[in-house]
């Protein structure tokens, strides 16, 4: 999870366009996930499904990540808020990992088997389609802008995609085969990934060079991004 330095110098106009796009994507993410969270928690409560309730809470954590991006890019100099924004996103990763981990262990211990949920399967299926589109748009915007925060937020959305797929599989197996243990096992894997991404976001505090203001890029266009956070596009996908 790394932002890369722009390969070309961004004009002030283009930088402004990317800032606005980042805001619009964050607003779209916050709106969708708020609705998703409400539906998932309501369906989870009706079916006594800890997986669905956990998915709904993850949606609200995704909203918090989007709000961090909104807070950053409503500043006149968003780059000045990069470090704190990354740490706030890292905290949301840790919170997500903690919830999923505790919920998965409780499920494995047999506390509260979920009843089949048609609504839950439906919201998970929709999210599997919507979330990858948001991930693609955020990552493309973040890389061109050189914003570690936007790329970190795209990774949070990618985790939500994984959770949607795992929830869909878990609810499907529970409904078709009665395998209640499948979802918590997969949840533990996602929790481990969330911890790793949280650590990387926290360490991304040294990514200041990845999001140089336009003026700085104009004055020193040959200045490379020497921090560990600034790697090739191939590495940033891992």
Protein backbone atom coordinates (compact mmCIF):
# COMPACT_ATOMS: atom_id res chain seq x y z
CA UNK A 1 0.00 0.00 0.00
CA UNK A 2 2.17 2.79 -1.31
CA UNK A 3 1.73 6.00 -3.22
CA UNK A 4 4.05 6.70 -6.07
CA UNK A 5 5.53 10.03 -7.07
CA UNK A 6 3.90 11.52 -10.16
CA UNK A 7 5.91 10.75 -13.28
CA UNK A 8 5.05 14.17 -14.73
CA UNK A 9 4.74 17.60 -13.14
CA UNK A 10 1.10 18.32 -12.37
CA UNK A 11 -0.23 21.72 -13.33
CA UNK A 12 -2.15 23.67 -10.70
CA UNK A 13 -5.33 23.11 -12.73
CA UNK A 14 -4.83 19.33 -12.95
CA UNK A 15 -3.96 19.12 -9.25
CA UNK A 16 -7.16 20.97 -8.44
CA UNK A 17 -9.16 18.55 -10.60
CA UNK A 18 -7.64 15.57 -8.80
CA UNK A 19 -8.34 17.13 -5.40
CA UNK A 20 -12.00 17.57 -6.36
CA UNK A 21 -12.18 14.02 -7.72
CA UNK A 22 -10.73 12.69 -4.46
CA UNK A 23 -13.44 14.55 -2.56
CA UNK A 24 -16.23 13.27 -4.83
CA UNK A 25 -15.00 9.68 -4.48
CA UNK A 26 -14.85 10.07 -0.71
CA UNK A 27 -18.41 11.46 -0.61
CA UNK A 28 -19.64 8.57 -2.78
CA UNK A 29 -17.88 6.04 -0.54
CA UNK A 30 -19.28 7.58 2.63
CA UNK A 31 -22.84 7.68 1.24
CA UNK A 32 -22.84 4.13 -0.07
CA UNK A 33 -21.24 2.64 3.02
CA UNK A 34 -23.61 4.47 5.35
CA UNK A 35 -26.55 2.87 3.53
CA UNK A 36 -24.76 -0.50 3.36
CA UNK A 37 -23.97 -0.40 7.08
CA UNK A 38 -27.55 0.37 8.09
CA UNK A 39 -28.98 -2.43 5.91
CA UNK A 40 -26.34 -4.96 7.01
CA UNK A 41 -26.78 -4.29 10.73
CA UNK A 42 -30.57 -4.42 10.45
CA UNK A 43 -30.40 -7.70 8.52
CA UNK A 44 -27.80 -9.06 10.92
CA UNK A 45 -29.94 -8.28 13.93
CA UNK A 46 -32.95 -9.95 12.30
CA UNK A 47 -30.94 -13.10 11.48
CA UNK A 48 -28.78 -13.06 14.65
CA UNK A 49 -25.78 -12.95 12.30
CA UNK A 50 -22.56 -11.71 13.87
CA UNK A 51 -20.95 -11.78 10.41
CA UNK A 52 -23.53 -9.41 8.98
CA UNK A 53 -23.37 -7.12 12.00
CA UNK A 54 -19.58 -7.10 11.75
CA UNK A 55 -19.83 -6.30 8.04
CA UNK A 56 -22.13 -3.42 8.86
CA UNK A 57 -19.69 -2.05 11.42
CA UNK A 58 -16.92 -2.37 8.84
CA UNK A 59 -19.04 -0.19 6.55
CA UNK A 60 -19.07 2.52 9.20
CA UNK A 61 -15.28 2.23 9.56
CA UNK A 62 -15.09 2.69 5.80
CA UNK A 63 -17.19 5.82 6.24
CA UNK A 64 -14.68 7.09 8.81
CA UNK A 65 -11.84 6.51 6.33
CA UNK A 66 -13.72 8.47 3.67
CA UNK A 67 -14.32 11.28 6.16
CA UNK A 68 -10.57 11.46 6.80
CA UNK A 69 -10.00 12.00 3.08
CA UNK A 70 -12.76 14.64 2.99
CA UNK A 71 -11.18 16.39 5.98
CA UNK A 72 -7.78 16.38 4.29
CA UNK A 73 -8.86 17.59 0.86
CA UNK A 74 -11.08 20.36 2.19
CA UNK A 75 -7.87 22.00 3.33
CA UNK A 76 -6.30 24.62 1.03
CA UNK A 77 -3.05 22.64 1.25
CA UNK A 78 -4.11 18.97 1.54
CA UNK A 79 -0.48 17.78 1.54
CA UNK A 80 0.02 19.45 4.93
CA UNK A 81 -2.51 17.04 6.44
CA UNK A 82 -1.08 13.91 4.80
CA UNK A 83 0.77 12.57 7.84
CA UNK A 84 -2.09 12.85 10.32
CA UNK A 85 -4.60 11.60 7.74
CA UNK A 86 -2.54 8.45 7.19
CA UNK A 87 -2.39 7.79 10.92
CA UNK A 88 -6.14 8.22 11.26
CA UNK A 89 -6.68 5.72 8.45
CA UNK A 90 -4.22 3.35 10.15
CA UNK A 91 -6.28 3.53 13.35
CA UNK A 92 -9.41 2.60 11.36
CA UNK A 93 -7.56 -0.46 10.01
CA UNK A 94 -6.63 -1.55 13.54
CA UNK A 95 -10.20 -1.03 14.75
CA UNK A 96 -11.50 -3.10 11.86
CA UNK A 97 -9.00 -5.91 12.56
CA UNK A 98 -9.88 -5.94 16.26
CA UNK A 99 -13.60 -6.20 15.60
CA UNK A 100 -13.31 -8.92 12.97
CA UNK A 101 -10.86 -10.92 15.09
CA UNK A 102 -13.01 -10.87 18.22
CA UNK A 103 -16.18 -11.58 16.24
CA UNK A 104 -14.54 -14.49 14.36
CA UNK A 105 -13.29 -16.11 17.58
CA UNK A 106 -16.71 -15.79 19.17
CA UNK A 107 -18.31 -17.42 16.14
CA UNK A 108 -15.80 -20.28 16.17
CA UNK A 109 -16.58 -20.85 19.85
CA UNK A 110 -20.20 -21.38 18.89
CA UNK A 111 -21.66 -18.16 20.26
CA UNK A 112 -24.64 -17.24 18.13
CA UNK A 113 -25.06 -19.21 14.91
CA UNK A 114 -26.66 -17.11 12.21
CA UNK A 115 -29.88 -17.92 10.40
CA UNK A 116 -29.86 -17.63 6.58
CA UNK A 117 -30.32 -14.05 5.36
CA UNK A 118 -31.54 -13.27 1.84
CA UNK A 119 -31.10 -9.54 2.44
CA UNK A 120 -27.55 -10.11 3.65
CA UNK A 121 -26.68 -12.14 0.56
CA UNK A 122 -28.15 -9.37 -1.61
CA UNK A 123 -26.17 -6.51 -0.01
CA UNK A 124 -22.96 -8.53 -0.14
CA UNK A 125 -23.49 -9.28 -3.84
CA UNK A 126 -24.06 -5.60 -4.65
CA UNK A 127 -20.94 -4.60 -2.74
CA UNK A 128 -18.81 -7.13 -4.63
CA UNK A 129 -19.70 -5.19 -7.79
CA UNK A 130 -19.62 -1.60 -6.47
CA UNK A 131 -16.49 -1.70 -4.30
CA UNK A 132 -13.96 -2.73 -7.00
CA UNK A 133 -15.09 0.24 -9.11
CA UNK A 134 -14.40 2.61 -6.22
CA UNK A 135 -11.03 0.96 -5.56
CA UNK A 136 -9.98 1.43 -9.20
CA UNK A 137 -11.05 5.09 -9.30
CA UNK A 138 -9.41 5.95 -5.97
CA UNK A 139 -6.14 4.18 -6.74
CA UNK A 140 -5.84 5.77 -10.16
CA UNK A 141 -6.52 9.22 -8.71
CA UNK A 142 -4.20 8.73 -5.73
CA UNK A 143 -1.29 7.56 -7.88
CA UNK A 144 -1.58 10.43 -10.33
CA UNK A 145 -1.89 12.93 -7.50
CA UNK A 146 0.89 11.25 -5.51
CA UNK A 147 -1.33 11.07 -2.43
CA UNK A 148 -0.56 8.31 0.06
CA UNK A 149 -3.84 9.08 1.83
CA UNK A 150 -6.03 8.43 -1.21
CA UNK A 151 -4.14 5.21 -1.98
CA UNK A 152 -4.49 4.11 1.67
CA UNK A 153 -8.21 4.84 1.50
CA UNK A 154 -8.45 2.75 -1.68
CA UNK A 155 -6.89 -0.14 0.24
CA UNK A 156 -9.51 0.26 2.95
CA UNK A 157 -12.14 0.00 0.23
CA UNK A 158 -10.35 -3.06 -1.20
CA UNK A 159 -10.59 -4.73 2.21
CA UNK A 160 -14.30 -3.97 2.19
CA UNK A 161 -14.45 -5.74 -1.19
CA UNK A 162 -12.75 -8.80 0.31
CA UNK A 163 -15.13 -8.75 3.23
CA UNK A 164 -18.09 -8.51 0.85
CA UNK A 165 -16.89 -11.56 -1.07
CA UNK A 166 -16.18 -13.51 2.12
CA UNK A 167 -19.53 -12.53 3.59
CA UNK A 168 -21.26 -13.64 0.39
CA UNK A 169 -19.45 -17.00 0.45
CA UNK A 170 -20.04 -17.44 4.19
CA UNK A 171 -23.74 -16.62 4.02
CA UNK A 172 -24.11 -18.80 0.93
CA UNK A 173 -22.41 -21.80 2.57
CA UNK A 174 -24.47 -21.29 5.70
CA UNK A 175 -27.69 -21.13 3.70
CA UNK A 176 -26.89 -24.05 1.39
CA UNK A 177 -24.74 -26.39 3.50
CA UNK A 178 -25.00 -25.15 7.07
CA UNK A 179 -21.21 -24.52 7.32
CA UNK A 180 -21.28 -21.84 10.01
CA UNK A 181 -17.50 -22.06 10.56
CA UNK A 182 -16.51 -20.93 7.03
CA UNK A 183 -17.13 -17.22 7.56
CA UNK A 184 -15.18 -16.74 10.83
CA UNK A 185 -12.15 -18.59 9.43
CA UNK A 186 -12.05 -16.27 6.44
CA UNK A 187 -12.65 -13.33 8.77
CA UNK A 188 -9.46 -14.12 10.68
CA UNK A 189 -7.51 -13.94 7.42
CA UNK A 190 -9.00 -10.53 6.63
CA UNK A 191 -8.19 -9.35 10.17
CA UNK A 192 -4.52 -10.27 9.63
CA UNK A 193 -4.48 -8.37 6.33
CA UNK A 194 -6.07 -5.35 8.01
CA UNK A 195 -3.35 -5.32 10.68
CA UNK A 196 -0.65 -5.39 7.99
CA UNK A 197 -2.26 -2.56 6.06
CA UNK A 198 -2.69 -0.54 9.24
CA UNK A 199 1.00 -0.88 10.02
CA UNK A 200 1.93 0.21 6.50
CA UNK A 201 -0.39 3.21 6.67
CA UNK A 202 1.10 4.20 10.03
CA UNK A 203 4.63 3.95 8.67
CA UNK A 204 3.58 6.01 5.66
CA UNK A 205 4.13 9.15 7.71
CA UNK A 206 7.38 9.63 5.79
CA UNK A 207 5.55 9.87 2.46
CA UNK A 208 5.69 13.68 2.35
CA UNK A 209 7.83 13.60 -0.81
CA UNK A 210 5.15 11.57 -2.56
CA UNK A 211 2.75 14.51 -2.52
CA UNK A 212 4.86 17.55 -3.18
CA UNK A 213 2.96 20.79 -3.73
CA UNK A 214 2.86 21.89 -7.36
CA UNK A 215 5.26 24.74 -6.69
CA UNK A 216 7.86 22.42 -5.22
CA UNK A 217 7.57 20.09 -8.19
CA UNK A 218 8.06 23.00 -10.56
CA UNK A 219 11.17 24.17 -8.72
CA UNK A 220 12.66 20.68 -8.45
CA UNK A 221 11.08 18.45 -11.11
CA UNK A 222 13.93 15.97 -10.92
CA UNK A 223 13.56 15.39 -7.22
CA UNK A 224 12.82 11.72 -6.72
CA UNK A 225 10.78 10.14 -4.01
CA UNK A 226 13.36 8.36 -1.94
CA UNK A 227 11.16 7.07 0.86
CA UNK A 228 10.27 3.40 1.12
CA UNK A 229 6.63 4.32 0.55
CA UNK A 230 7.34 5.37 -2.99
CA UNK A 231 7.71 2.28 -5.09
CA UNK A 232 6.70 1.17 -8.53
CA UNK A 233 3.09 0.53 -9.46
CA UNK A 234 3.86 -3.17 -9.42
CA UNK A 235 4.95 -3.04 -5.77
CA UNK A 236 2.08 -0.81 -4.72
CA UNK A 237 -0.39 -3.45 -5.75
CA UNK A 238 1.04 -5.95 -3.25
